[in-house]
């Protein structure tokens, strides 16, 4: 069970890095973008997302800055060069993993049944 939680956290971190690679975003924007693009599959709560963001920041994969907008101070997150490198690695790992799962789950489609 601990391995599943670690895997889920790693995959969610990959998704967060992907969003930040497209543009800088603030917390609520990240949550809403992830929810909409995943068609409600990934519906993160702030209490789940912020520890992930802080972890990525402490590893040097993201950096944050504050900007005032309409009287509100918002904390934006942006991906670092190191974060882009890690994202590229994670994407390759995901391709390998998802291809293997597809081959097992759809074995008959690949002539392995």
PDB file of N, CA and C in Angstrom:
ATOM      1  N   UNK A   1       0.826  -1.203   0.000  1.00  0.00           N
ATOM      2  CA  UNK A   1       0.000   0.000   0.000  1.00  0.00           C
ATOM      3  C   UNK A   1       0.865   1.260   0.000  1.00  0.00           C
ATOM      4  N   UNK A   2       1.956   1.260   0.745  1.00  0.00           N
ATOM      5  CA  UNK A   2       2.856   2.417   0.778  1.00  0.00           C
ATOM      6  C   UNK A   2       3.449   2.665  -0.601  1.00  0.00           C
ATOM      7  N   UNK A   3       3.731   1.584  -1.330  1.00  0.00           N
ATOM      8  CA  UNK A   3       4.287   1.710  -2.681  1.00  0.00           C
ATOM      9  C   UNK A   3       3.281   2.364  -3.620  1.00  0.00           C
ATOM     10  N   UNK A   4       1.990   2.011  -3.477  1.00  0.00           N
ATOM     11  CA  UNK A   4       0.953   2.617  -4.308  1.00  0.00           C
ATOM     12  C   UNK A   4       0.849   4.115  -4.034  1.00  0.00           C
ATOM     13  N   UNK A   5       0.922   4.500  -2.762  1.00  0.00           N
ATOM     14  CA  UNK A   5       0.835   5.909  -2.394  1.00  0.00           C
ATOM     15  C   UNK A   5       2.031   6.673  -2.957  1.00  0.00           C
ATOM     16  N   UNK A   6       3.220   6.069  -2.885  1.00  0.00           N
ATOM     17  CA  UNK A   6       4.424   6.699  -3.431  1.00  0.00           C
ATOM     18  C   UNK A   6       4.295   6.853  -4.943  1.00  0.00           C
ATOM     19  N   UNK A   7       3.783   5.839  -5.609  1.00  0.00           N
ATOM     20  CA  UNK A   7       3.600   5.883  -7.053  1.00  0.00           C
ATOM     21  C   UNK A   7       2.603   6.961  -7.446  1.00  0.00           C
ATOM     22  N   UNK A   8       1.496   7.038  -6.722  1.00  0.00           N
ATOM     23  CA  UNK A   8       0.484   8.053  -6.995  1.00  0.00           C
ATOM     24  C   UNK A   8       1.071   9.444  -6.814  1.00  0.00           C
ATOM     25  N   UNK A   9       1.823   9.645  -5.750  1.00  0.00           N
ATOM     26  CA  UNK A   9       2.451  10.933  -5.488  1.00  0.00           C
ATOM     27  C   UNK A   9       3.433  11.286  -6.600  1.00  0.00           C
ATOM     28  N   UNK A  10       4.217  10.310  -7.052  1.00  0.00           N
ATOM     29  CA  UNK A  10       5.169  10.541  -8.133  1.00  0.00           C
ATOM     30  C   UNK A  10       4.487  10.900  -9.429  1.00  0.00           C
ATOM     31  N   UNK A  11       3.384  10.213  -9.723  1.00  0.00           N
ATOM     32  CA  UNK A  11       2.648  10.508 -10.957  1.00  0.00           C
ATOM     33  C   UNK A  11       1.985  11.880 -10.883  1.00  0.00           C
ATOM     34  N   UNK A  12       1.459  12.235  -9.727  1.00  0.00           N
ATOM     35  CA  UNK A  12       0.846  13.547  -9.567  1.00  0.00           C
ATOM     36  C   UNK A  12       1.906  14.631  -9.679  1.00  0.00           C
ATOM     37  N   UNK A  13       3.083  14.388  -9.136  1.00  0.00           N
ATOM     38  CA  UNK A  13       4.177  15.349  -9.264  1.00  0.00           C
ATOM     39  C   UNK A  13       4.539  15.557 -10.727  1.00  0.00           C
ATOM     40  N   UNK A  14       4.535  14.485 -11.501  1.00  0.00           N
ATOM     41  CA  UNK A  14       4.815  14.584 -12.932  1.00  0.00           C
ATOM     42  C   UNK A  14       3.768  15.477 -13.602  1.00  0.00           C
ATOM     43  N   UNK A  15       2.512  15.320 -13.241  1.00  0.00           N
ATOM     44  CA  UNK A  15       1.445  16.128 -13.827  1.00  0.00           C
ATOM     45  C   UNK A  15       1.606  17.599 -13.452  1.00  0.00           C
ATOM     46  N   UNK A  16       1.976  17.855 -12.196  1.00  0.00           N
ATOM     47  CA  UNK A  16       2.194  19.238 -11.763  1.00  0.00           C
ATOM     48  C   UNK A  16       3.360  19.865 -12.527  1.00  0.00           C
ATOM     49  N   UNK A  17       4.444  19.110 -12.683  1.00  0.00           N
ATOM     50  CA  UNK A  17       5.582  19.624 -13.456  1.00  0.00           C
ATOM     51  C   UNK A  17       5.168  19.915 -14.895  1.00  0.00           C
ATOM     52  N   UNK A  18       4.344  19.054 -15.467  1.00  0.00           N
ATOM     53  CA  UNK A  18       3.871  19.284 -16.841  1.00  0.00           C
ATOM     54  C   UNK A  18       3.107  20.594 -16.930  1.00  0.00           C
ATOM     55  N   UNK A  19       2.192  20.834 -16.004  1.00  0.00           N
ATOM     56  CA  UNK A  19       1.427  22.076 -16.034  1.00  0.00           C
ATOM     57  C   UNK A  19       2.345  23.285 -15.910  1.00  0.00           C
ATOM     58  N   UNK A  20       3.332  23.200 -15.001  1.00  0.00           N
ATOM     59  CA  UNK A  20       4.251  24.329 -14.806  1.00  0.00           C
ATOM     60  C   UNK A  20       5.165  24.519 -16.018  1.00  0.00           C
ATOM     61  N   UNK A  21       5.382  23.460 -16.796  1.00  0.00           N
ATOM     62  CA  UNK A  21       6.217  23.590 -17.994  1.00  0.00           C
ATOM     63  C   UNK A  21       5.497  24.385 -19.081  1.00  0.00           C
ATOM     64  N   UNK A  22       4.187  24.461 -18.981  1.00  0.00           N
ATOM     65  CA  UNK A  22       3.385  25.185 -19.961  1.00  0.00           C
ATOM     66  C   UNK A  22       3.269  26.667 -19.626  1.00  0.00           C
ATOM     67  N   UNK A  23       3.149  26.965 -18.335  1.00  0.00           N
ATOM     68  CA  UNK A  23       3.104  28.357 -17.875  1.00  0.00           C
ATOM     69  C   UNK A  23       3.122  28.402 -16.350  1.00  0.00           C
ATOM     70  N   UNK A  24       3.524  29.527 -15.814  1.00  0.00           N
ATOM     71  CA  UNK A  24       3.494  29.720 -14.368  1.00  0.00           C
ATOM     72  C   UNK A  24       2.038  29.760 -13.920  1.00  0.00           C
ATOM     73  N   UNK A  25       1.763  29.161 -12.752  1.00  0.00           N
ATOM     74  CA  UNK A  25       0.389  29.122 -12.243  1.00  0.00           C
ATOM     75  C   UNK A  25       0.388  29.300 -10.735  1.00  0.00           C
ATOM     76  N   UNK A  26      -0.748  29.753 -10.203  1.00  0.00           N
ATOM     77  CA  UNK A  26      -0.947  29.826  -8.763  1.00  0.00           C
ATOM     78  C   UNK A  26      -1.808  28.643  -8.331  1.00  0.00           C
ATOM     79  N   UNK A  27      -1.872  28.410  -7.035  1.00  0.00           N
ATOM     80  CA  UNK A  27      -2.485  27.204  -6.486  1.00  0.00           C
ATOM     81  C   UNK A  27      -3.851  26.830  -7.015  1.00  0.00           C
ATOM     82  N   UNK A  28      -4.818  27.722  -6.858  1.00  0.00           N
ATOM     83  CA  UNK A  28      -6.179  27.409  -7.293  1.00  0.00           C
ATOM     84  C   UNK A  28      -6.217  27.130  -8.796  1.00  0.00           C
ATOM     85  N   UNK A  29      -5.428  27.882  -9.553  1.00  0.00           N
ATOM     86  CA  UNK A  29      -5.369  27.691 -11.005  1.00  0.00           C
ATOM     87  C   UNK A  29      -4.839  26.292 -11.349  1.00  0.00           C
ATOM     88  N   UNK A  30      -3.857  25.831 -10.587  1.00  0.00           N
ATOM     89  CA  UNK A  30      -3.297  24.487 -10.794  1.00  0.00           C
ATOM     90  C   UNK A  30      -4.377  23.436 -10.553  1.00  0.00           C
ATOM     91  N   UNK A  31      -5.064  23.568  -9.431  1.00  0.00           N
ATOM     92  CA  UNK A  31      -6.119  22.609  -9.071  1.00  0.00           C
ATOM     93  C   UNK A  31      -7.192  22.556 -10.162  1.00  0.00           C
ATOM     94  N   UNK A  32      -7.656  23.719 -10.596  1.00  0.00           N
ATOM     95  CA  UNK A  32      -8.726  23.773 -11.602  1.00  0.00           C
ATOM     96  C   UNK A  32      -8.265  23.277 -12.971  1.00  0.00           C
ATOM     97  N   UNK A  33      -7.059  23.636 -13.371  1.00  0.00           N
ATOM     98  CA  UNK A  33      -6.554  23.188 -14.668  1.00  0.00           C
ATOM     99  C   UNK A  33      -6.407  21.670 -14.688  1.00  0.00           C
ATOM    100  N   UNK A  34      -5.848  21.113 -13.633  1.00  0.00           N
ATOM    101  CA  UNK A  34      -5.671  19.661 -13.544  1.00  0.00           C
ATOM    102  C   UNK A  34      -7.033  18.955 -13.548  1.00  0.00           C
ATOM    103  N   UNK A  35      -7.975  19.483 -12.799  1.00  0.00           N
ATOM    104  CA  UNK A  35      -9.313  18.884 -12.736  1.00  0.00           C
ATOM    105  C   UNK A  35      -9.983  18.916 -14.106  1.00  0.00           C
ATOM    106  N   UNK A  36      -9.959  20.065 -14.769  1.00  0.00           N
ATOM    107  CA  UNK A  36     -10.631  20.197 -16.067  1.00  0.00           C
ATOM    108  C   UNK A  36      -9.969  19.342 -17.137  1.00  0.00           C
ATOM    109  N   UNK A  37      -8.643  19.382 -17.207  1.00  0.00           N
ATOM    110  CA  UNK A  37      -7.954  18.640 -18.263  1.00  0.00           C
ATOM    111  C   UNK A  37      -8.039  17.139 -18.065  1.00  0.00           C
ATOM    112  N   UNK A  38      -8.225  16.702 -16.828  1.00  0.00           N
ATOM    113  CA  UNK A  38      -8.344  15.268 -16.562  1.00  0.00           C
ATOM    114  C   UNK A  38      -9.807  14.822 -16.537  1.00  0.00           C
ATOM    115  N   UNK A  39     -10.709  15.724 -16.868  1.00  0.00           N
ATOM    116  CA  UNK A  39     -12.148  15.432 -16.831  1.00  0.00           C
ATOM    117  C   UNK A  39     -12.563  14.911 -15.465  1.00  0.00           C
ATOM    118  N   UNK A  40     -12.103  15.607 -14.422  1.00  0.00           N
ATOM    119  CA  UNK A  40     -12.435  15.350 -13.016  1.00  0.00           C
ATOM    120  C   UNK A  40     -11.791  14.108 -12.418  1.00  0.00           C
ATOM    121  N   UNK A  41     -10.873  13.471 -13.126  1.00  0.00           N
ATOM    122  CA  UNK A  41     -10.179  12.313 -12.567  1.00  0.00           C
ATOM    123  C   UNK A  41      -9.221  12.772 -11.474  1.00  0.00           C
ATOM    124  N   UNK A  42      -8.496  13.856 -11.730  1.00  0.00           N
ATOM    125  CA  UNK A  42      -7.570  14.405 -10.737  1.00  0.00           C
ATOM    126  C   UNK A  42      -8.215  15.639 -10.133  1.00  0.00           C
ATOM    127  N   UNK A  43      -8.784  15.457  -8.960  1.00  0.00           N
ATOM    128  CA  UNK A  43      -9.466  16.529  -8.249  1.00  0.00           C
ATOM    129  C   UNK A  43      -8.740  16.745  -6.931  1.00  0.00           C
ATOM    130  N   UNK A  44      -7.570  17.373  -7.010  1.00  0.00           N
ATOM    131  CA  UNK A  44      -6.727  17.557  -5.835  1.00  0.00           C
ATOM    132  C   UNK A  44      -7.313  18.573  -4.874  1.00  0.00           C
ATOM    133  N   UNK A  45      -7.134  18.321  -3.619  1.00  0.00           N
ATOM    134  CA  UNK A  45      -7.463  19.280  -2.575  1.00  0.00           C
ATOM    135  C   UNK A  45      -6.188  20.051  -2.259  1.00  0.00           C
ATOM    136  N   UNK A  46      -6.349  21.248  -1.729  1.00  0.00           N
ATOM    137  CA  UNK A  46      -5.192  22.084  -1.389  1.00  0.00           C
ATOM    138  C   UNK A  46      -4.263  21.362  -0.409  1.00  0.00           C
ATOM    139  N   UNK A  47      -4.847  20.619   0.527  1.00  0.00           N
ATOM    140  CA  UNK A  47      -4.053  19.909   1.523  1.00  0.00           C
ATOM    141  C   UNK A  47      -3.204  18.790   0.936  1.00  0.00           C
ATOM    142  N   UNK A  48      -3.528  18.348  -0.257  1.00  0.00           N
ATOM    143  CA  UNK A  48      -2.730  17.343  -0.965  1.00  0.00           C
ATOM    144  C   UNK A  48      -1.730  18.018  -1.899  1.00  0.00           C
ATOM    145  N   UNK A  49      -2.185  19.055  -2.590  1.00  0.00           N
ATOM    146  CA  UNK A  49      -1.358  19.680  -3.609  1.00  0.00           C
ATOM    147  C   UNK A  49      -0.193  20.485  -3.032  1.00  0.00           C
ATOM    148  N   UNK A  50      -0.454  21.289  -2.018  1.00  0.00           N
ATOM    149  CA  UNK A  50       0.611  22.160  -1.525  1.00  0.00           C
ATOM    150  C   UNK A  50       1.816  21.405  -0.974  1.00  0.00           C
ATOM    151  N   UNK A  51       1.631  20.309  -0.233  1.00  0.00           N
ATOM    152  CA  UNK A  51       2.821  19.538   0.162  1.00  0.00           C
ATOM    153  C   UNK A  51       3.609  19.015  -1.037  1.00  0.00           C
ATOM    154  N   UNK A  52       2.912  18.616  -2.116  1.00  0.00           N
ATOM    155  CA  UNK A  52       3.605  18.170  -3.327  1.00  0.00           C
ATOM    156  C   UNK A  52       4.393  19.320  -3.948  1.00  0.00           C
ATOM    157  N   UNK A  53       3.765  20.505  -4.043  1.00  0.00           N
ATOM    158  CA  UNK A  53       4.455  21.669  -4.596  1.00  0.00           C
ATOM    159  C   UNK A  53       5.670  22.044  -3.755  1.00  0.00           C
ATOM    160  N   UNK A  54       5.513  22.032  -2.437  1.00  0.00           N
ATOM    161  CA  UNK A  54       6.627  22.373  -1.550  1.00  0.00           C
ATOM    162  C   UNK A  54       7.753  21.358  -1.673  1.00  0.00           C
ATOM    163  N   UNK A  55       7.403  20.089  -1.842  1.00  0.00           N
ATOM    164  CA  UNK A  55       8.416  19.053  -2.039  1.00  0.00           C
ATOM    165  C   UNK A  55       9.181  19.262  -3.337  1.00  0.00           C
ATOM    166  N   UNK A  56       8.465  19.600  -4.404  1.00  0.00           N
ATOM    167  CA  UNK A  56       9.112  19.868  -5.692  1.00  0.00           C
ATOM    168  C   UNK A  56      10.001  21.102  -5.601  1.00  0.00           C
ATOM    169  N   UNK A  57       9.548  22.075  -4.839  1.00  0.00           N
ATOM    170  CA  UNK A  57      10.340  23.289  -4.649  1.00  0.00           C
ATOM    171  C   UNK A  57      11.611  22.984  -3.849  1.00  0.00           C
ATOM    172  N   UNK A  58      11.489  22.172  -2.806  1.00  0.00           N
ATOM    173  CA  UNK A  58      12.664  21.852  -1.980  1.00  0.00           C
ATOM    174  C   UNK A  58      13.697  21.025  -2.751  1.00  0.00           C
ATOM    175  N   UNK A  59      13.251  20.304  -3.783  1.00  0.00           N
ATOM    176  CA  UNK A  59      14.166  19.532  -4.628  1.00  0.00           C
ATOM    177  C   UNK A  59      14.752  20.375  -5.759  1.00  0.00           C
ATOM    178  N   UNK A  60      14.331  21.642  -5.837  1.00  0.00           N
ATOM    179  CA  UNK A  60      14.841  22.524  -6.878  1.00  0.00           C
ATOM    180  C   UNK A  60      14.177  22.349  -8.230  1.00  0.00           C
ATOM    181  N   UNK A  61      13.004  21.702  -8.246  1.00  0.00           N
ATOM    182  CA  UNK A  61      12.303  21.453  -9.505  1.00  0.00           C
ATOM    183  C   UNK A  61      11.322  22.576  -9.842  1.00  0.00           C
ATOM    184  N   UNK A  62      10.866  23.269  -8.821  1.00  0.00           N
ATOM    185  CA  UNK A  62       9.984  24.422  -8.982  1.00  0.00           C
ATOM    186  C   UNK A  62      10.545  25.571  -8.168  1.00  0.00           C
ATOM    187  N   UNK A  63      10.164  26.772  -8.561  1.00  0.00           N
ATOM    188  CA  UNK A  63      10.442  27.932  -7.731  1.00  0.00           C
ATOM    189  C   UNK A  63       9.152  28.737  -7.651  1.00  0.00           C
ATOM    190  N   UNK A  64       9.037  29.555  -6.635  1.00  0.00           N
ATOM    191  CA  UNK A  64       7.812  30.332  -6.514  1.00  0.00           C
ATOM    192  C   UNK A  64       8.150  31.811  -6.330  1.00  0.00           C
ATOM    193  N   UNK A  65       7.179  32.623  -6.670  1.00  0.00           N
ATOM    194  CA  UNK A  65       7.293  34.067  -6.491  1.00  0.00           C
ATOM    195  C   UNK A  65       5.893  34.601  -6.242  1.00  0.00           C
ATOM    196  N   UNK A  66       5.833  35.756  -5.617  1.00  0.00           N
ATOM    197  CA  UNK A  66       4.542  36.358  -5.306  1.00  0.00           C
ATOM    198  C   UNK A  66       4.303  37.577  -6.182  1.00  0.00           C
ATOM    199  N   UNK A  67       3.050  37.737  -6.592  1.00  0.00           N
ATOM    200  CA  UNK A  67       2.629  38.866  -7.408  1.00  0.00           C
ATOM    201  C   UNK A  67       1.288  39.351  -6.887  1.00  0.00           C
ATOM    202  N   UNK A  68       1.120  40.656  -6.856  1.00  0.00           N
ATOM    203  CA  UNK A  68      -0.164  41.213  -6.436  1.00  0.00           C
ATOM    204  C   UNK A  68      -1.046  41.402  -7.663  1.00  0.00           C
ATOM    205  N   UNK A  69      -2.283  40.958  -7.538  1.00  0.00           N
ATOM    206  CA  UNK A  69      -3.238  41.081  -8.628  1.00  0.00           C
ATOM    207  C   UNK A  69      -4.607  41.380  -8.031  1.00  0.00           C
ATOM    208  N   UNK A  70      -5.194  42.477  -8.415  1.00  0.00           N
ATOM    209  CA  UNK A  70      -6.522  42.886  -7.933  1.00  0.00           C
ATOM    210  C   UNK A  70      -6.589  42.900  -6.414  1.00  0.00           C
ATOM    211  N   UNK A  71      -5.535  43.410  -5.796  1.00  0.00           N
ATOM    212  CA  UNK A  71      -5.498  43.524  -4.343  1.00  0.00           C
ATOM    213  C   UNK A  71      -5.168  42.239  -3.604  1.00  0.00           C
ATOM    214  N   UNK A  72      -4.944  41.165  -4.328  1.00  0.00           N
ATOM    215  CA  UNK A  72      -4.591  39.878  -3.715  1.00  0.00           C
ATOM    216  C   UNK A  72      -3.145  39.554  -4.039  1.00  0.00           C
ATOM    217  N   UNK A  73      -2.451  38.996  -3.067  1.00  0.00           N
ATOM    218  CA  UNK A  73      -1.099  38.508  -3.326  1.00  0.00           C
ATOM    219  C   UNK A  73      -1.223  37.036  -3.676  1.00  0.00           C
ATOM    220  N   UNK A  74      -0.731  36.684  -4.844  1.00  0.00           N
ATOM    221  CA  UNK A  74      -0.784  35.284  -5.288  1.00  0.00           C
ATOM    222  C   UNK A  74       0.623  34.739  -5.383  1.00  0.00           C
ATOM    223  N   UNK A  75       0.747  33.482  -4.990  1.00  0.00           N
ATOM    224  CA  UNK A  75       2.035  32.786  -5.089  1.00  0.00           C
ATOM    225  C   UNK A  75       2.008  31.937  -6.351  1.00  0.00           C
ATOM    226  N   UNK A  76       2.872  32.281  -7.284  1.00  0.00           N
ATOM    227  CA  UNK A  76       2.979  31.558  -8.542  1.00  0.00           C
ATOM    228  C   UNK A  76       4.131  30.566  -8.476  1.00  0.00           C
ATOM    229  N   UNK A  77       3.947  29.458  -9.160  1.00  0.00           N
ATOM    230  CA  UNK A  77       4.974  28.422  -9.245  1.00  0.00           C
ATOM    231  C   UNK A  77       5.450  28.326 -10.682  1.00  0.00           C
ATOM    232  N   UNK A  78       6.757  28.198 -10.841  1.00  0.00           N
ATOM    233  CA  UNK A  78       7.336  28.030 -12.175  1.00  0.00           C
ATOM    234  C   UNK A  78       8.362  26.904 -12.133  1.00  0.00           C
ATOM    235  N   UNK A  79       8.508  26.242 -13.247  1.00  0.00           N
ATOM    236  CA  UNK A  79       9.425  25.107 -13.322  1.00  0.00           C
ATOM    237  C   UNK A  79      10.851  25.626 -13.548  1.00  0.00           C
ATOM    238  N   UNK A  80      11.813  24.952 -12.952  1.00  0.00           N
ATOM    239  CA  UNK A  80      13.219  25.291 -13.145  1.00  0.00           C
ATOM    240  C   UNK A  80      13.795  24.439 -14.269  1.00  0.00           C
ATOM    241  N   UNK A  81      15.015  24.734 -14.663  1.00  0.00           N
ATOM    242  CA  UNK A  81      15.674  23.923 -15.698  1.00  0.00           C
ATOM    243  C   UNK A  81      15.831  22.480 -15.203  1.00  0.00           C
ATOM    244  N   UNK A  82      16.181  22.337 -13.927  1.00  0.00           N
ATOM    245  CA  UNK A  82      16.285  20.991 -13.343  1.00  0.00           C
ATOM    246  C   UNK A  82      14.931  20.294 -13.398  1.00  0.00           C
ATOM    247  N   UNK A  83      13.864  21.039 -13.136  1.00  0.00           N
ATOM    248  CA  UNK A  83      12.516  20.479 -13.209  1.00  0.00           C
ATOM    249  C   UNK A  83      12.165  20.010 -14.608  1.00  0.00           C
ATOM    250  N   UNK A  84      12.600  20.765 -15.610  1.00  0.00           N
ATOM    251  CA  UNK A  84      12.350  20.365 -17.006  1.00  0.00           C
ATOM    252  C   UNK A  84      13.088  19.066 -17.343  1.00  0.00           C
ATOM    253  N   UNK A  85      14.293  18.930 -16.832  1.00  0.00           N
ATOM    254  CA  UNK A  85      15.065  17.701 -17.073  1.00  0.00           C
ATOM    255  C   UNK A  85      14.399  16.508 -16.400  1.00  0.00           C
ATOM    256  N   UNK A  86      13.970  16.693 -15.158  1.00  0.00           N
ATOM    257  CA  UNK A  86      13.300  15.610 -14.431  1.00  0.00           C
ATOM    258  C   UNK A  86      11.985  15.257 -15.113  1.00  0.00           C
ATOM    259  N   UNK A  87      11.253  16.255 -15.579  1.00  0.00           N
ATOM    260  CA  UNK A  87       9.994  16.003 -16.288  1.00  0.00           C
ATOM    261  C   UNK A  87      10.237  15.171 -17.537  1.00  0.00           C
ATOM    262  N   UNK A  88      11.268  15.492 -18.290  1.00  0.00           N
ATOM    263  CA  UNK A  88      11.584  14.717 -19.500  1.00  0.00           C
ATOM    264  C   UNK A  88      11.871  13.261 -19.145  1.00  0.00           C
ATOM    265  N   UNK A  89      12.606  13.029 -18.060  1.00  0.00           N
ATOM    266  CA  UNK A  89      12.895  11.660 -17.609  1.00  0.00           C
ATOM    267  C   UNK A  89      11.614  10.952 -17.204  1.00  0.00           C
ATOM    268  N   UNK A  90      10.765  11.644 -16.431  1.00  0.00           N
ATOM    269  CA  UNK A  90       9.513  11.045 -15.964  1.00  0.00           C
ATOM    270  C   UNK A  90       8.583  10.709 -17.134  1.00  0.00           C
ATOM    271  N   UNK A  91       8.575  11.548 -18.165  1.00  0.00           N
ATOM    272  CA  UNK A  91       7.742  11.265 -19.338  1.00  0.00           C
ATOM    273  C   UNK A  91       8.208   9.988 -20.033  1.00  0.00           C
ATOM    274  N   UNK A  92       9.517   9.812 -20.161  1.00  0.00           N
ATOM    275  CA  UNK A  92      10.043   8.593 -20.782  1.00  0.00           C
ATOM    276  C   UNK A  92       9.705   7.364 -19.942  1.00  0.00           C
ATOM    277  N   UNK A  93       9.848   7.481 -18.621  1.00  0.00           N
ATOM    278  CA  UNK A  93       9.497   6.376 -17.729  1.00  0.00           C
ATOM    279  C   UNK A  93       8.015   6.042 -17.875  1.00  0.00           C
ATOM    280  N   UNK A  94       7.177   7.070 -17.961  1.00  0.00           N
ATOM    281  CA  UNK A  94       5.734   6.859 -18.087  1.00  0.00           C
ATOM    282  C   UNK A  94       5.396   6.160 -19.397  1.00  0.00           C
ATOM    283  N   UNK A  95       6.054   6.540 -20.484  1.00  0.00           N
ATOM    284  CA  UNK A  95       5.811   5.890 -21.775  1.00  0.00           C
ATOM    285  C   UNK A  95       6.137   4.406 -21.703  1.00  0.00           C
ATOM    286  N   UNK A  96       7.256   4.086 -21.094  1.00  0.00           N
ATOM    287  CA  UNK A  96       7.656   2.686 -20.948  1.00  0.00           C
ATOM    288  C   UNK A  96       6.649   1.932 -20.084  1.00  0.00           C
ATOM    289  N   UNK A  97       6.278   2.523 -18.955  1.00  0.00           N
ATOM    290  CA  UNK A  97       5.331   1.903 -18.028  1.00  0.00           C
ATOM    291  C   UNK A  97       3.970   1.698 -18.690  1.00  0.00           C
ATOM    292  N   UNK A  98       3.434   2.751 -19.326  1.00  0.00           N
ATOM    293  CA  UNK A  98       2.096   2.640 -19.908  1.00  0.00           C
ATOM    294  C   UNK A  98       2.072   1.675 -21.085  1.00  0.00           C
ATOM    295  N   UNK A  99       3.160   1.618 -21.845  1.00  0.00           N
ATOM    296  CA  UNK A  99       3.248   0.653 -22.950  1.00  0.00           C
ATOM    297  C   UNK A  99       3.220  -0.777 -22.400  1.00  0.00           C
ATOM    298  N   UNK A 100       3.942  -1.007 -21.313  1.00  0.00           N
ATOM    299  CA  UNK A 100       3.972  -2.342 -20.706  1.00  0.00           C
ATOM    300  C   UNK A 100       2.597  -2.726 -20.156  1.00  0.00           C
ATOM    301  N   UNK A 101       1.922  -1.780 -19.511  1.00  0.00           N
ATOM    302  CA  UNK A 101       0.577  -2.058 -18.988  1.00  0.00           C
ATOM    303  C   UNK A 101      -0.369  -2.360 -20.143  1.00  0.00           C
ATOM    304  N   UNK A 102      -0.301  -1.566 -21.209  1.00  0.00           N
ATOM    305  CA  UNK A 102      -1.156  -1.811 -22.371  1.00  0.00           C
ATOM    306  C   UNK A 102      -0.912  -3.211 -22.942  1.00  0.00           C
ATOM    307  N   UNK A 103       0.348  -3.641 -22.986  1.00  0.00           N
ATOM    308  CA  UNK A 103       0.662  -4.955 -23.538  1.00  0.00           C
ATOM    309  C   UNK A 103       0.133  -6.074 -22.652  1.00  0.00           C
ATOM    310  N   UNK A 104       0.170  -5.874 -21.342  1.00  0.00           N
ATOM    311  CA  UNK A 104      -0.365  -6.900 -20.443  1.00  0.00           C
ATOM    312  C   UNK A 104      -1.892  -6.914 -20.488  1.00  0.00           C
ATOM    313  N   UNK A 105      -2.486  -5.746 -20.394  1.00  0.00           N
ATOM    314  CA  UNK A 105      -3.945  -5.660 -20.342  1.00  0.00           C
ATOM    315  C   UNK A 105      -4.594  -6.005 -21.680  1.00  0.00           C
ATOM    316  N   UNK A 106      -3.928  -5.690 -22.754  1.00  0.00           N
ATOM    317  CA  UNK A 106      -4.486  -5.957 -24.071  1.00  0.00           C
ATOM    318  C   UNK A 106      -3.706  -7.023 -24.801  1.00  0.00           C
ATOM    319  N   UNK A 107      -3.262  -8.028 -24.075  1.00  0.00           N
ATOM    320  CA  UNK A 107      -2.393  -9.068 -24.631  1.00  0.00           C
ATOM    321  C   UNK A 107      -2.869  -9.638 -25.944  1.00  0.00           C
ATOM    322  N   UNK A 108      -4.168  -9.854 -26.085  1.00  0.00           N
ATOM    323  CA  UNK A 108      -4.694 -10.429 -27.320  1.00  0.00           C
ATOM    324  C   UNK A 108      -4.473  -9.487 -28.490  1.00  0.00           C
ATOM    325  N   UNK A 109      -4.484  -8.214 -28.212  1.00  0.00           N
ATOM    326  CA  UNK A 109      -4.269  -7.231 -29.286  1.00  0.00           C
ATOM    327  C   UNK A 109      -2.851  -7.293 -29.829  1.00  0.00           C
ATOM    328  N   UNK A 110      -1.939  -7.759 -28.999  1.00  0.00           N
ATOM    329  CA  UNK A 110      -0.535  -7.813 -29.386  1.00  0.00           C
ATOM    330  C   UNK A 110      -0.086  -9.228 -29.798  1.00  0.00           C
ATOM    331  N   UNK A 111      -1.029 -10.138 -29.890  1.00  0.00           N
ATOM    332  CA  UNK A 111      -0.717 -11.498 -30.307  1.00  0.00           C
ATOM    333  C   UNK A 111      -0.065 -12.326 -29.206  1.00  0.00           C
ATOM    334  N   UNK A 112      -0.237 -11.902 -27.951  1.00  0.00           N
ATOM    335  CA  UNK A 112       0.405 -12.623 -26.830  1.00  0.00           C
ATOM    336  C   UNK A 112      -0.578 -13.483 -26.063  1.00  0.00           C
ATOM    337  N   UNK A 113      -1.801 -13.579 -26.488  1.00  0.00           N
ATOM    338  CA  UNK A 113      -2.795 -14.339 -25.714  1.00  0.00           C
ATOM    339  C   UNK A 113      -2.817 -15.780 -26.128  1.00  0.00           C
TER     340      UNK A 113
END
